[in-house]
Each structure stands twice: as structure tokens, then as C-alpha cells.
PDB file of N, CA and C in Angstrom:
ATOM      1  N   MET A   1      26.358  14.575  15.801  1.00  0.00           N
ATOM      2  CA  MET A   1      25.002  15.145  15.770  1.00  0.00           C
ATOM      3  C   MET A   1      24.692  16.151  14.522  1.00  0.00           C
ATOM      4  N   PRO A   2      23.605  16.101  13.932  1.00  0.00           N
ATOM      5  CA  PRO A   2      23.199  16.698  12.813  1.00  0.00           C
ATOM      6  C   PRO A   2      22.855  18.152  13.409  1.00  0.00           C
ATOM      7  N   ILE A   3      22.946  18.943  12.260  1.00  0.00           N
ATOM      8  CA  ILE A   3      22.278  20.451  12.547  1.00  0.00           C
ATOM      9  C   ILE A   3      20.757  20.263  11.986  1.00  0.00           C
ATOM     10  N   TYR A   4      19.859  20.761  12.897  1.00  0.00           N
ATOM     11  CA  TYR A   4      18.392  20.976  12.450  1.00  0.00           C
ATOM     12  C   TYR A   4      18.023  22.223  12.592  1.00  0.00           C
ATOM     13  N   GLU A   5      17.051  22.564  11.855  1.00  0.00           N
ATOM     14  CA  GLU A   5      16.427  24.026  11.622  1.00  0.00           C
ATOM     15  C   GLU A   5      14.825  24.089  12.418  1.00  0.00           C
ATOM     16  N   PHE A   6      14.784  24.997  13.214  1.00  0.00           N
ATOM     17  CA  PHE A   6      13.620  24.995  14.143  1.00  0.00           C
ATOM     18  C   PHE A   6      12.832  26.234  13.860  1.00  0.00           C
ATOM     19  N   PHE A   7      11.580  26.337  14.017  1.00  0.00           N
ATOM     20  CA  PHE A   7      10.819  27.505  14.079  1.00  0.00           C
ATOM     21  C   PHE A   7      10.129  27.791  15.408  1.00  0.00           C
ATOM     22  N   CYS A   8      10.408  28.909  15.934  1.00  0.00           N
ATOM     23  CA  CYS A   8       9.735  29.352  17.231  1.00  0.00           C
ATOM     24  C   CYS A   8       8.365  29.895  17.015  1.00  0.00           C
ATOM     25  N   HIS A   9       7.334  29.190  17.676  1.00  0.00           N
ATOM     26  CA  HIS A   9       5.961  29.844  17.711  1.00  0.00           C
ATOM     27  C   HIS A   9       5.844  30.968  18.468  1.00  0.00           C
ATOM     28  N   GLN A  10       6.437  31.229  19.356  1.00  0.00           N
ATOM     29  CA  GLN A  10       6.364  32.216  20.505  1.00  0.00           C
ATOM     30  C   GLN A  10       6.972  33.517  19.720  1.00  0.00           C
ATOM     31  N   CYS A  11       8.211  33.422  19.477  1.00  0.00           N
ATOM     32  CA  CYS A  11       8.695  34.909  18.807  1.00  0.00           C
ATOM     33  C   CYS A  11       8.906  34.803  17.351  1.00  0.00           C
ATOM     34  N   GLU A  12       8.443  33.664  16.641  1.00  0.00           N
ATOM     35  CA  GLU A  12       8.247  33.633  15.067  1.00  0.00           C
ATOM     36  C   GLU A  12       9.672  33.877  14.529  1.00  0.00           C
ATOM     37  N   ARG A  13      10.751  33.104  14.891  1.00  0.00           N
ATOM     38  CA  ARG A  13      12.057  33.208  14.544  1.00  0.00           C
ATOM     39  C   ARG A  13      12.268  31.638  14.004  1.00  0.00           C
ATOM     40  N   SER A  14      13.264  31.591  13.068  1.00  0.00           N
ATOM     41  CA  SER A  14      13.881  30.465  12.528  1.00  0.00           C
ATOM     42  C   SER A  14      15.228  30.400  13.107  1.00  0.00           C
ATOM     43  N   PHE A  15      15.692  29.067  13.531  1.00  0.00           N
ATOM     44  CA  PHE A  15      17.049  29.161  13.714  1.00  0.00           C
ATOM     45  C   PHE A  15      17.646  27.757  13.560  1.00  0.00           C
ATOM     46  N   GLU A  16      19.140  27.488  13.420  1.00  0.00           N
ATOM     47  CA  GLU A  16      19.629  26.176  13.113  1.00  0.00           C
ATOM     48  C   GLU A  16      20.358  25.969  14.379  1.00  0.00           C
ATOM     49  N   VAL A  17      20.354  24.643  14.858  1.00  0.00           N
ATOM     50  CA  VAL A  17      21.195  24.082  16.168  1.00  0.00           C
ATOM     51  C   VAL A  17      21.599  22.735  16.033  1.00  0.00           C
ATOM     52  N   LEU A  18      22.753  22.633  16.506  1.00  0.00           N
ATOM     53  CA  LEU A  18      23.120  21.116  16.509  1.00  0.00           C
ATOM     54  C   LEU A  18      22.604  20.291  17.747  1.00  0.00           C
ATOM     55  N   VAL A  19      21.870  19.505  17.540  1.00  0.00           N
ATOM     56  CA  VAL A  19      21.279  18.790  18.670  1.00  0.00           C
ATOM     57  C   VAL A  19      21.058  17.123  18.068  1.00  0.00           C
ATOM     58  N   ARG A  20      20.916  16.463  19.250  1.00  0.00           N
ATOM     59  CA  ARG A  20      20.581  15.102  18.941  1.00  0.00           C
ATOM     60  C   ARG A  20      19.137  15.000  18.488  1.00  0.00           C
ATOM     61  N   SER A  21      18.817  14.043  17.675  1.00  0.00           N
ATOM     62  CA  SER A  21      17.674  13.999  17.063  1.00  0.00           C
ATOM     63  C   SER A  21      16.464  13.603  18.020  1.00  0.00           C
ATOM     64  N   SER A  22      16.709  13.087  19.158  1.00  0.00           N
ATOM     65  CA  SER A  22      15.685  12.851  20.286  1.00  0.00           C
ATOM     66  C   SER A  22      15.466  13.944  21.122  1.00  0.00           C
ATOM     67  N   SER A  23      16.371  15.020  21.218  1.00  0.00           N
ATOM     68  CA  SER A  23      15.984  16.109  22.223  1.00  0.00           C
ATOM     69  C   SER A  23      15.405  17.326  21.480  1.00  0.00           C
ATOM     70  N   LEU A  24      14.618  18.161  22.122  1.00  0.00           N
ATOM     71  CA  LEU A  24      14.100  19.410  21.660  1.00  0.00           C
ATOM     72  C   LEU A  24      14.754  20.844  22.468  1.00  0.00           C
ATOM     73  N   PRO A  25      15.571  21.446  21.672  1.00  0.00           N
ATOM     74  CA  PRO A  25      16.313  22.623  22.439  1.00  0.00           C
ATOM     75  C   PRO A  25      15.035  23.731  22.559  1.00  0.00           C
ATOM     76  N   ALA A  26      15.740  24.638  23.398  1.00  0.00           N
ATOM     77  CA  ALA A  26      14.861  25.851  23.592  1.00  0.00           C
ATOM     78  C   ALA A  26      15.325  27.011  22.622  1.00  0.00           C
ATOM     79  N   CYS A  27      14.243  28.055  22.279  1.00  0.00           N
ATOM     80  CA  CYS A  27      14.615  28.934  21.269  1.00  0.00           C
ATOM     81  C   CYS A  27      15.932  29.982  21.975  1.00  0.00           C
ATOM     82  N   PRO A  28      16.795  30.119  21.242  1.00  0.00           N
ATOM     83  CA  PRO A  28      17.705  30.910  21.807  1.00  0.00           C
ATOM     84  C   PRO A  28      17.335  32.415  21.883  1.00  0.00           C
ATOM     85  N   GLU A  29      16.383  32.989  21.293  1.00  0.00           N
ATOM     86  CA  GLU A  29      15.869  34.258  21.445  1.00  0.00           C
ATOM     87  C   GLU A  29      15.079  34.481  22.664  1.00  0.00           C
ATOM     88  N   CYS A  30      13.973  33.672  22.743  1.00  0.00           N
ATOM     89  CA  CYS A  30      12.955  33.686  23.826  1.00  0.00           C
ATOM     90  C   CYS A  30      13.140  32.672  24.968  1.00  0.00           C
ATOM     91  N   GLY A  31      13.749  31.596  24.693  1.00  0.00           N
ATOM     92  CA  GLY A  31      13.797  30.590  25.587  1.00  0.00           C
ATOM     93  C   GLY A  31      12.577  29.716  25.697  1.00  0.00           C
ATOM     94  N   SER A  32      11.792  29.834  24.552  1.00  0.00           N
ATOM     95  CA  SER A  32      10.525  28.956  24.584  1.00  0.00           C
ATOM     96  C   SER A  32      10.735  27.506  24.097  1.00  0.00           C
ATOM     97  N   GLY A  33      10.127  26.600  24.358  1.00  0.00           N
ATOM     98  CA  GLY A  33      10.298  25.312  24.160  1.00  0.00           C
ATOM     99  C   GLY A  33       9.112  24.752  23.142  1.00  0.00           C
ATOM    100  N   LYS A  34       8.277  25.992  22.513  1.00  0.00           N
ATOM    101  CA  LYS A  34       7.327  25.511  21.639  1.00  0.00           C
ATOM    102  C   LYS A  34       7.856  25.765  20.276  1.00  0.00           C
ATOM    103  N   LEU A  35       8.399  24.482  19.742  1.00  0.00           N
ATOM    104  CA  LEU A  35       9.318  24.771  18.411  1.00  0.00           C
ATOM    105  C   LEU A  35       8.498  23.714  17.484  1.00  0.00           C
ATOM    106  N   GLU A  36       9.006  23.893  16.342  1.00  0.00           N
ATOM    107  CA  GLU A  36       8.688  23.156  15.332  1.00  0.00           C
ATOM    108  C   GLU A  36       9.738  22.797  14.385  1.00  0.00           C
ATOM    109  N   LYS A  37      10.198  21.602  14.130  1.00  0.00           N
ATOM    110  CA  LYS A  37      11.337  21.034  13.493  1.00  0.00           C
ATOM    111  C   LYS A  37      11.080  21.429  11.889  1.00  0.00           C
ATOM    112  N   LEU A  38      11.823  22.009  11.228  1.00  0.00           N
ATOM    113  CA  LEU A  38      11.420  22.223   9.740  1.00  0.00           C
ATOM    114  C   LEU A  38      12.270  21.338   8.977  1.00  0.00           C
ATOM    115  N   VAL A  39      11.699  21.248   7.779  1.00  0.00           N
ATOM    116  CA  VAL A  39      12.456  20.421   6.683  1.00  0.00           C
ATOM    117  C   VAL A  39      13.181  21.288   6.050  1.00  0.00           C
ATOM    118  N   SER A  40      14.638  20.811   5.907  1.00  0.00           N
ATOM    119  CA  SER A  40      15.639  21.743   5.311  1.00  0.00           C
ATOM    120  C   SER A  40      16.183  20.816   4.072  1.00  0.00           C
ATOM    121  N   LEU A  41      16.725  21.689   3.059  1.00  0.00           N
ATOM    122  CA  LEU A  41      17.319  21.133   2.004  1.00  0.00           C
ATOM    123  C   LEU A  41      18.769  20.312   2.543  1.00  0.00           C
ATOM    124  N   PRO A  42      19.003  19.301   1.898  1.00  0.00           N
ATOM    125  CA  PRO A  42      20.247  18.778   2.192  1.00  0.00           C
ATOM    126  C   PRO A  42      21.451  19.606   1.596  1.00  0.00           C
ATOM    127  N   ALA A  43      22.510  19.341   2.192  1.00  0.00           N
ATOM    128  CA  ALA A  43      23.628  20.156   1.978  1.00  0.00           C
ATOM    129  C   ALA A  43      24.211  19.452   0.560  1.00  0.00           C
ATOM    130  N   PRO A  44      24.704  20.440  -0.292  1.00  0.00           N
ATOM    131  CA  PRO A  44      25.062  19.848  -1.587  1.00  0.00           C
ATOM    132  C   PRO A  44      26.372  18.911  -1.369  1.00  0.00           C
ATOM    133  N   GLN A  45      26.641  18.182  -2.400  1.00  0.00           N
ATOM    134  CA  GLN A  45      27.803  17.374  -2.424  1.00  0.00           C
ATOM    135  C   GLN A  45      29.018  18.289  -2.523  1.00  0.00           C
ATOM    136  N   GLY A  46      30.139  17.924  -2.366  1.00  0.00           N
ATOM    137  CA  GLY A  46      31.530  18.414  -2.155  1.00  0.00           C
ATOM    138  C   GLY A  46      31.736  19.035  -3.749  1.00  0.00           C
ATOM    139  N   LYS A  47      32.613  19.962  -3.873  1.00  0.00           N
ATOM    140  CA  LYS A  47      32.981  20.752  -4.944  1.00  0.00           C
ATOM    141  C   LYS A  47      33.281  19.634  -6.140  1.00  0.00           C
ATOM    142  N   THR A  48      32.573  19.707  -7.401  1.00  0.00           N
ATOM    143  CA  THR A  48      33.008  19.202  -8.499  1.00  0.00           C
ATOM    144  C   THR A  48      34.192  19.656  -9.368  1.00  0.00           C
ATOM    145  N   ALA A  49      34.792  18.800 -10.054  1.00  0.00           N
ATOM    146  CA  ALA A  49      35.852  19.295 -10.841  1.00  0.00           C
ATOM    147  C   ALA A  49      35.657  20.567 -11.663  1.00  0.00           C
ATOM    148  N   GLY A  50      34.413  20.597 -12.151  1.00  0.00           N
ATOM    149  CA  GLY A  50      34.033  21.776 -13.007  1.00  0.00           C
ATOM    150  C   GLY A  50      33.847  23.190 -12.405  1.00  0.00           C
ATOM    151  N   VAL A  51      33.526  22.948 -11.009  1.00  0.00           N
ATOM    152  CA  VAL A  51      33.409  24.004 -10.062  1.00  0.00           C
ATOM    153  C   VAL A  51      34.741  24.677  -9.750  1.00  0.00           C
ATOM    154  N   ILE A  52      35.589  23.736  -9.452  1.00  0.00           N
ATOM    155  CA  ILE A  52      37.050  24.006  -9.123  1.00  0.00           C
ATOM    156  C   ILE A  52      37.668  24.565 -10.235  1.00  0.00           C
ATOM    157  N   ALA A  53      37.419  24.076 -11.448  1.00  0.00           N
ATOM    158  CA  ALA A  53      38.166  24.599 -12.678  1.00  0.00           C
ATOM    159  C   ALA A  53      37.744  25.963 -13.188  1.00  0.00           C
ATOM    160  N   SER A  54      36.352  26.087 -12.819  1.00  0.00           N
ATOM    161  CA  SER A  54      36.051  27.606 -13.181  1.00  0.00           C
ATOM    162  C   SER A  54      36.600  28.639 -12.177  1.00  0.00           C
ATOM    163  N   ALA A  55      36.614  28.191 -10.846  1.00  0.00           N
ATOM    164  CA  ALA A  55      36.888  28.948  -9.685  1.00  0.00           C
ATOM    165  C   ALA A  55      38.426  29.389 -10.023  1.00  0.00           C
ATOM    166  N   ARG A  56      39.348  28.395 -10.372  1.00  0.00           N
ATOM    167  CA  ARG A  56      40.602  28.356 -10.714  1.00  0.00           C
ATOM    168  C   ARG A  56      40.979  29.551 -12.020  1.00  0.00           C
ATOM    169  N   SER A  57      40.145  29.236 -12.951  1.00  0.00           N
ATOM    170  CA  SER A  57      40.253  30.096 -14.166  1.00  0.00           C
ATOM    171  C   SER A  57      40.123  31.633 -13.880  1.00  0.00           C
ATOM    172  N   GLN A  58      38.836  31.670 -13.086  1.00  0.00           N
ATOM    173  CA  GLN A  58      38.558  33.150 -12.727  1.00  0.00           C
ATOM    174  C   GLN A  58      39.638  33.832 -11.773  1.00  0.00           C
ATOM    175  N   ALA A  59      40.221  32.943 -10.625  1.00  0.00           N
ATOM    176  CA  ALA A  59      41.270  33.511  -9.975  1.00  0.00           C
ATOM    177  C   ALA A  59      42.536  33.914 -10.765  1.00  0.00           C
ATOM    178  N   MET A  60      42.705  32.954 -11.766  1.00  0.00           N
ATOM    179  CA  MET A  60      43.811  33.337 -12.637  1.00  0.00           C
ATOM    180  C   MET A  60      43.819  34.575 -13.436  1.00  0.00           C
ATOM    181  N   ARG A  61      42.413  34.791 -14.058  1.00  0.00           N
ATOM    182  CA  ARG A  61      42.317  35.945 -14.794  1.00  0.00           C
ATOM    183  C   ARG A  61      42.401  37.123 -13.892  1.00  0.00           C
ATOM    184  N   GLU A  62      42.112  37.078 -12.492  1.00  0.00           N
ATOM    185  CA  GLU A  62      42.065  38.281 -11.461  1.00  0.00           C
ATOM    186  C   GLU A  62      43.399  38.451 -10.970  1.00  0.00           C
ATOM    187  N   GLY A  63      44.177  37.341 -10.962  1.00  0.00           N
ATOM    188  CA  GLY A  63      45.652  37.429 -10.458  1.00  0.00           C
ATOM    189  C   GLY A  63      45.708  36.967  -8.978  1.00  0.00           C
ATOM    190  N   HIS A  64      44.889  36.330  -8.714  1.00  0.00           N
ATOM    191  CA  HIS A  64      44.633  35.821  -7.513  1.00  0.00           C
ATOM    192  C   HIS A  64      45.194  34.078  -7.463  1.00  0.00           C
ATOM    193  N   LEU A  65      46.010  33.722  -6.810  1.00  0.00           N
ATOM    194  CA  LEU A  65      46.608  32.271  -6.939  1.00  0.00           C
ATOM    195  C   LEU A  65      46.635  31.594  -5.672  1.00  0.00           C
ATOM    196  N   SER A  66      45.705  32.175  -4.784  1.00  0.00           N
ATOM    197  CA  SER A  66      45.553  31.621  -3.419  1.00  0.00           C
ATOM    198  C   SER A  66      45.084  30.173  -3.456  1.00  0.00           C
ATOM    199  N   ASN A  67      44.217  29.939  -4.388  1.00  0.00           N
ATOM    200  CA  ASN A  67      43.461  28.556  -4.408  1.00  0.00           C
ATOM    201  C   ASN A  67      44.291  27.601  -5.298  1.00  0.00           C
ATOM    202  N   TYR A  68      45.592  27.930  -5.560  1.00  0.00           N
ATOM    203  CA  TYR A  68      46.243  26.888  -6.365  1.00  0.00           C
ATOM    204  C   TYR A  68      47.385  26.457  -5.403  1.00  0.00           C
ATOM    205  N   ALA A  69      47.813  25.040  -5.637  1.00  0.00           N
ATOM    206  CA  ALA A  69      48.859  24.556  -4.783  1.00  0.00           C
ATOM    207  C   ALA A  69      50.145  25.235  -5.345  1.00  0.00           C
ATOM    208  N   PRO A  70      51.191  25.171  -4.389  1.00  0.00           N
ATOM    209  CA  PRO A  70      52.525  25.738  -4.891  1.00  0.00           C
ATOM    210  C   PRO A  70      53.035  25.173  -6.310  1.00  0.00           C
ATOM    211  N   SER A  71      52.889  23.802  -6.291  1.00  0.00           N
ATOM    212  CA  SER A  71      53.286  23.108  -7.468  1.00  0.00           C
ATOM    213  C   SER A  71      52.460  23.416  -8.882  1.00  0.00           C
ATOM    214  N   GLU A  72      51.182  23.923  -8.620  1.00  0.00           N
ATOM    215  CA  GLU A  72      50.214  24.267  -9.745  1.00  0.00           C
ATOM    216  C   GLU A  72      50.408  25.676 -10.178  1.00  0.00           C
ATOM    217  N   ARG A  73      51.027  26.605  -9.199  1.00  0.00           N
ATOM    218  CA  ARG A  73      51.266  28.100  -9.764  1.00  0.00           C
ATOM    219  C   ARG A  73      52.276  28.119 -10.989  1.00  0.00           C
ATOM    220  N   PRO A  74      51.780  29.049 -11.790  1.00  0.00           N
ATOM    221  CA  PRO A  74      52.657  29.399 -12.989  1.00  0.00           C
ATOM    222  C   PRO A  74      54.135  30.135 -12.593  1.00  0.00           C
ATOM    223  N   ARG A  75      55.128  29.373 -13.203  1.00  0.00           N
ATOM    224  CA  ARG A  75      56.304  30.030 -12.884  1.00  0.00           C
ATOM    225  C   ARG A  75      56.442  31.387 -13.524  1.00  0.00           C
ATOM    226  N   ARG A  76      56.983  32.325 -12.705  1.00  0.00           N
ATOM    227  CA  ARG A  76      57.413  33.560 -13.239  1.00  0.00           C
ATOM    228  C   ARG A  76      58.824  33.713 -13.570  1.00  0.00           C
ATOM    229  N   LYS A  77      59.189  34.531 -14.515  1.00  0.00           N
ATOM    230  CA  LYS A  77      60.489  34.809 -15.082  1.00  0.00           C
ATOM    231  C   LYS A  77      61.042  35.926 -14.365  1.00  0.00           C
TER     232      LYS A  77
END
């Protein structure tokens, strides 16, 4: 089931909810069924090699090695 974004006309709030495309949920704030499905941007693709490399180099500069696998961590003397 996909996540859809809705706008409630009664309380004028936007919210996201996981629903089937054929069903219309109720507003979690006011319970109204007067909703409009909004057009949302698609989720970006997974992390690219460039993003991972820049995050790892920043982590290395800051001394954080949590995003490295144990085999990738630098050896300490």
C-alpha cells in the first residue's frame, strides 16, 4: 500500500497516510471525510555512490566511523 498525502477542507491540515488507492480515509485531526488527495513528489532514488563517499569522508574528518563496515575502518596502531 502506498503513502498518500491528503488535505482536509474542514480543519485545513495536510497529512500523510498509508491507504489503498481505492479507499478514502478520515482526517486524523477532526475525523472529517472531506479530503482532497494531493500530488506529492516521488521519493528520490536510493543513495548514490557520490553521496555515500561524501558522507564517509565527512564522518572520517569528524572522527565518526559508525557508517563504515568493520573491514573498512582504518587500522589503529
